[in-house]
Protein backbone atom coordinates (compact mmCIF):
# COMPACT_ATOMS: atom_id res chain seq x y z
CA UNK A 1 38.06 8.62 -7.53
CA UNK A 2 35.40 7.12 -5.27
CA UNK A 3 37.19 8.44 -2.19
CA UNK A 4 37.59 11.87 -3.74
CA UNK A 5 33.90 11.85 -4.72
CA UNK A 6 32.65 10.98 -1.24
CA UNK A 7 35.03 13.51 0.27
CA UNK A 8 33.66 16.19 -2.07
CA UNK A 9 30.09 15.31 -1.16
CA UNK A 10 30.89 15.44 2.55
CA UNK A 11 32.62 18.79 2.16
CA UNK A 12 29.68 20.23 0.20
CA UNK A 13 27.08 19.01 2.68
CA UNK A 14 29.04 20.22 5.70
CA UNK A 15 29.41 23.70 4.16
CA UNK A 16 25.71 23.88 3.23
CA UNK A 17 23.81 26.76 4.80
CA UNK A 18 20.75 25.00 6.16
CA UNK A 19 18.97 28.18 7.31
CA UNK A 20 19.38 29.72 3.87
CA UNK A 21 18.03 26.62 2.16
CA UNK A 22 15.02 26.54 4.45
CA UNK A 23 14.32 30.27 4.07
CA UNK A 24 14.38 29.99 0.28
CA UNK A 25 12.11 26.95 0.17
CA UNK A 26 8.46 27.31 -0.80
CA UNK A 27 7.55 24.59 1.71
CA UNK A 28 10.14 24.64 4.55
CA UNK A 29 8.84 21.45 6.17
CA UNK A 30 9.11 19.46 2.92
CA UNK A 31 12.57 20.94 2.37
CA UNK A 32 13.71 19.89 5.85
CA UNK A 33 12.26 16.40 5.42
CA UNK A 34 14.10 16.04 2.11
CA UNK A 35 17.34 17.34 3.63
CA UNK A 36 17.03 14.90 6.55
CA UNK A 37 16.59 12.02 4.08
CA UNK A 38 19.52 13.22 1.94
CA UNK A 39 21.83 13.71 4.91
CA UNK A 40 20.85 10.36 6.41
CA UNK A 41 21.62 8.60 3.13
CA UNK A 42 24.88 10.49 2.67
CA UNK A 43 25.96 9.74 6.23
CA UNK A 44 25.37 6.04 5.52
CA UNK A 45 27.34 6.28 2.24
CA UNK A 46 30.14 8.17 3.94
CA UNK A 47 30.35 5.65 6.77
CA UNK A 48 30.60 2.79 4.25
CA UNK A 49 33.29 4.59 2.22
CA UNK A 50 35.26 5.54 5.34
CA UNK A 51 35.04 1.99 6.68
CA UNK A 52 36.45 0.69 3.39
CA UNK A 53 39.21 3.31 3.41
CA UNK A 54 40.11 2.50 6.99
CA UNK A 55 40.14 -1.22 6.15
CA UNK A 56 42.57 -0.63 3.26
CA UNK A 57 44.72 1.57 5.48
CA UNK A 58 44.92 -1.12 8.14
CA UNK A 59 45.99 -3.65 5.49
CA UNK A 60 48.76 -1.28 4.36
CA UNK A 61 49.85 -0.80 7.96
CA UNK A 62 49.95 -4.54 8.59
CA UNK A 63 51.94 -5.10 5.39
CA UNK A 64 54.31 -2.34 6.46
CA UNK A 65 54.74 -3.90 9.89
CA UNK A 66 55.42 -7.26 8.28
CA UNK A 67 58.03 -5.68 5.96
CA UNK A 68 59.70 -3.94 8.91
CA UNK A 69 59.71 -7.14 10.93
CA UNK A 70 61.00 -9.16 7.93
CA UNK A 71 63.84 -6.63 7.42
CA UNK A 72 64.70 -6.95 11.10
CA UNK A 73 64.67 -10.75 10.89
CA UNK A 74 66.90 -10.78 7.81
CA UNK A 75 69.24 -8.37 9.52
CA UNK A 76 69.50 -10.74 12.49
CA UNK A 77 70.16 -13.65 10.12
CA UNK A 78 72.90 -11.67 8.38
CA UNK A 79 74.53 -10.95 11.76
CA UNK A 80 74.36 -14.60 12.75
CA UNK A 81 75.81 -15.79 9.42
CA UNK A 82 78.60 -13.21 9.56
CA UNK A 83 79.54 -14.22 13.10
CA UNK A 84 79.57 -17.88 12.10
CA UNK A 85 81.81 -17.06 9.14
CA UNK A 86 84.20 -15.19 11.45
CA UNK A 87 84.33 -18.18 13.84
CA UNK A 88 85.05 -20.61 11.02
CA UNK A 89 87.68 -18.36 9.49
CA UNK A 90 89.37 -18.02 12.88
CA UNK A 91 89.46 -21.81 13.17
CA UNK A 92 91.01 -22.03 9.71
CA UNK A 93 87.90 -23.33 7.91
CA UNK A 94 87.95 -20.81 5.09
CA UNK A 95 85.59 -22.66 2.76
CA UNK A 96 82.76 -22.84 5.26
CA UNK A 97 83.53 -19.30 6.36
CA UNK A 98 83.07 -18.06 2.79
CA UNK A 99 79.79 -19.99 2.58
CA UNK A 100 78.41 -18.27 5.67
CA UNK A 101 79.63 -14.90 4.45
CA UNK A 102 77.66 -15.50 1.26
CA UNK A 103 74.61 -16.38 3.37
CA UNK A 104 75.12 -13.16 5.29
CA UNK A 105 75.17 -11.23 2.00
CA UNK A 106 71.95 -12.91 0.85
CA UNK A 107 70.31 -12.05 4.18
CA UNK A 108 71.46 -8.45 3.84
CA UNK A 109 70.02 -8.29 0.32
CA UNK A 110 66.68 -9.56 1.62
CA UNK A 111 66.85 -7.05 4.45
CA UNK A 112 67.44 -4.22 2.00
CA UNK A 113 64.52 -5.42 -0.14
CA UNK A 114 62.13 -5.55 2.82
CA UNK A 115 63.29 -2.13 4.03
CA UNK A 116 62.71 -0.75 0.53
CA UNK A 117 59.14 -2.09 0.45
CA UNK A 118 58.44 -0.75 3.92
CA UNK A 119 59.82 2.66 3.01
CA UNK A 120 57.87 2.75 -0.26
CA UNK A 121 54.60 2.09 1.59
CA UNK A 122 55.12 4.87 4.16
CA UNK A 123 53.98 7.82 1.92
CA UNK A 124 50.85 5.91 0.92
CA UNK A 125 50.12 5.11 4.54
CA UNK A 126 50.64 8.74 5.50
CA UNK A 127 48.34 10.05 2.75
CA UNK A 128 45.68 7.45 3.51
CA UNK A 129 45.86 8.32 7.19
CA UNK A 130 45.32 11.98 6.32
CA UNK A 131 42.37 11.08 4.09
CA UNK A 132 40.81 8.95 6.82
CA UNK A 133 41.22 11.76 9.36
CA UNK A 134 39.55 14.23 7.00
CA UNK A 135 36.76 11.81 6.20
CA UNK A 136 36.16 11.18 9.90
CA UNK A 137 36.09 14.91 10.58
CA UNK A 138 33.73 15.47 7.66
CA UNK A 139 31.50 12.63 8.81
CA UNK A 140 31.28 14.17 12.28
CA UNK A 141 30.37 17.47 10.65
CA UNK A 142 27.64 15.75 8.63
CA UNK A 143 26.26 14.10 11.75
CA UNK A 144 26.20 17.49 13.49
CA UNK A 145 24.35 18.97 10.49
CA UNK A 146 21.92 16.06 10.57
CA UNK A 147 21.28 16.71 14.26
CA UNK A 148 20.81 20.40 13.47
CA UNK A 149 18.33 19.51 10.73
CA UNK A 150 16.32 17.24 13.02
CA UNK A 151 16.25 19.92 15.72
CA UNK A 152 15.18 22.50 13.13
CA UNK A 153 12.46 20.15 11.93
CA UNK A 154 11.15 19.68 15.48
CA UNK A 155 11.21 23.43 16.04
CA UNK A 156 9.39 24.09 12.77
CA UNK A 157 6.72 21.50 13.53
CA UNK A 158 6.20 22.96 17.02
CA UNK A 159 5.88 26.46 15.58
CA UNK A 160 3.44 25.20 12.94
CA UNK A 161 1.27 23.59 15.62
CA UNK A 162 1.27 26.78 17.70
CA UNK A 163 0.37 28.85 14.64
CA UNK A 164 -2.41 26.42 13.75
CA UNK A 165 -3.80 26.57 17.30
CA UNK A 166 -3.66 30.37 17.30
CA UNK A 167 -5.47 30.47 13.97
CA UNK A 168 -8.22 28.18 15.27
CA UNK A 169 -8.65 30.32 18.38
CA UNK A 170 -8.83 33.52 16.35
CA UNK A 171 -11.34 31.94 13.96
CA UNK A 172 -13.45 30.76 16.88
CA UNK A 173 -13.34 34.19 18.56
CA UNK A 174 -14.12 35.92 15.31
CA UNK A 175 -17.16 33.73 14.70
CA UNK A 176 -18.78 34.87 17.98
CA UNK A 177 -19.84 38.53 17.84
CA UNK A 178 -21.96 39.41 20.88
CA UNK A 179 -23.19 42.60 19.22
CA UNK A 180 -24.25 40.86 16.03
CA UNK A 181 -27.97 40.06 16.23
CA UNK A 182 -27.58 37.44 13.51
CA UNK A 183 -25.09 35.42 15.53
CA UNK A 184 -26.19 32.34 17.48
CA UNK A 185 -25.63 34.16 20.76
CA UNK A 186 -27.65 37.12 19.52
CA UNK A 187 -30.53 34.90 18.48
CA UNK A 188 -30.46 33.08 21.80
CA UNK A 189 -30.51 36.38 23.68
CA UNK A 190 -33.51 37.56 21.63
CA UNK A 191 -35.33 34.30 22.43
CA UNK A 192 -34.68 34.78 26.16
CA UNK A 193 -35.95 38.35 26.01
CA UNK A 194 -39.17 37.18 24.31
CA UNK A 195 -39.66 34.51 26.96
CA UNK A 196 -39.14 37.12 29.70
CA UNK A 197 -41.66 39.44 28.02
CA UNK A 198 -44.18 36.60 27.73
CA UNK A 199 -43.78 35.74 31.42
CA UNK A 200 -44.24 39.40 32.38
CA UNK A 201 -47.36 39.58 30.22
CA UNK A 202 -48.83 36.55 31.93
CA UNK A 203 -48.12 38.05 35.35
CA UNK A 204 -49.85 41.33 34.41
CA UNK A 205 -52.78 39.43 32.90
CA UNK A 206 -53.19 37.35 36.04
CA UNK A 207 -53.08 40.51 38.19
CA UNK A 208 -55.74 42.31 36.12
CA UNK A 209 -58.01 39.26 36.25
CA UNK A 210 -57.72 39.17 40.06
CA UNK A 211 -58.63 42.87 40.32
CA UNK A 212 -61.69 42.24 38.16
CA UNK A 213 -62.79 39.46 40.45
CA UNK A 214 -62.59 41.72 43.51
CA UNK A 215 -64.52 44.46 41.72
CA UNK A 216 -67.29 41.99 40.88
CA UNK A 217 -67.91 41.42 44.59
CA UNK A 218 -69.87 44.72 44.71
CA UNK A 219 -72.13 43.57 41.93
CA UNK A 220 -72.66 40.29 43.71
CA UNK A 221 -73.77 42.22 46.83
CA UNK A 222 -76.34 44.20 44.85
CA UNK A 223 -77.74 41.09 43.23
CA UNK A 224 -78.06 39.43 46.62
CA UNK A 225 -80.18 42.39 47.94
CA UNK A 226 -82.47 42.17 44.92
CA UNK A 227 -82.97 38.48 45.43
CA UNK A 228 -83.82 39.03 49.11
CA UNK A 229 -86.48 41.66 48.33
CA UNK A 230 -87.94 39.53 45.62
CA UNK A 231 -88.28 36.68 48.06
CA UNK A 232 -89.91 39.00 50.58
CA UNK A 233 -92.45 40.19 48.02
CA UNK A 234 -93.32 36.66 47.16
CA UNK A 235 -93.80 35.95 50.86
CA UNK A 236 -96.27 38.88 51.16
CA UNK A 237 -93.96 41.15 53.04
CA UNK A 238 -94.38 44.13 50.85
CA UNK A 239 -95.86 46.15 53.74
CA UNK A 240 -92.75 45.84 55.77
CA UNK A 241 -90.56 46.88 52.92
CA UNK A 242 -92.86 49.81 52.19
CA UNK A 243 -92.94 50.79 55.80
CA UNK A 244 -89.17 50.82 55.88
CA UNK A 245 -89.18 53.17 52.93
CA UNK A 246 -91.77 55.48 54.50
CA UNK A 247 -90.02 55.63 57.78
């Protein structure tokens, strides 16, 4: 029953449609992880069961070989005893000849018994050999499925990482809208524009101040003339100034 049970489990697992199981799962990665664990455990169980079956088969084969060899040995003993009986009977020793003939008969009986045991074991050996072959084939199929599962798991993880990276990139791109004045980039651009406007204002202010300074030079000239005349008046030179006016 144990052998039949393990064989049934192997057959079921080998026939399992992995892609279908994964597609139907709510969480494919968890499903694959569980399948990998299940297959790994079942491979170990199958290997143990197959090893035991093979061990029993080898015992049967050795017993069969021993029975075959024992039948051969008893056959040789029967031949030897029969020949000895013939030699003794030829020499006229009938009593000893009959004794060796009886020994030959006993040897033949033993030979027949050993042959019977060997023959009886042959169907069992044949069936066990077939079971072992099927179990080995099933085990290889399970190992292939396990390899397929592990490859599928690696593929799924790689795809998940790519999808995660793509999502992060899209989120990052979506968070930066150059045309959105409320975005960080928009606020930074507005700050730069204000700084540029402030610098331009300072340049214009400096230019207007310089123009005013040059315009004030005329006023300075007029004031200087007034001061000169005032000094001349104080020095008593009013006649010369008046004369200049009259002339």
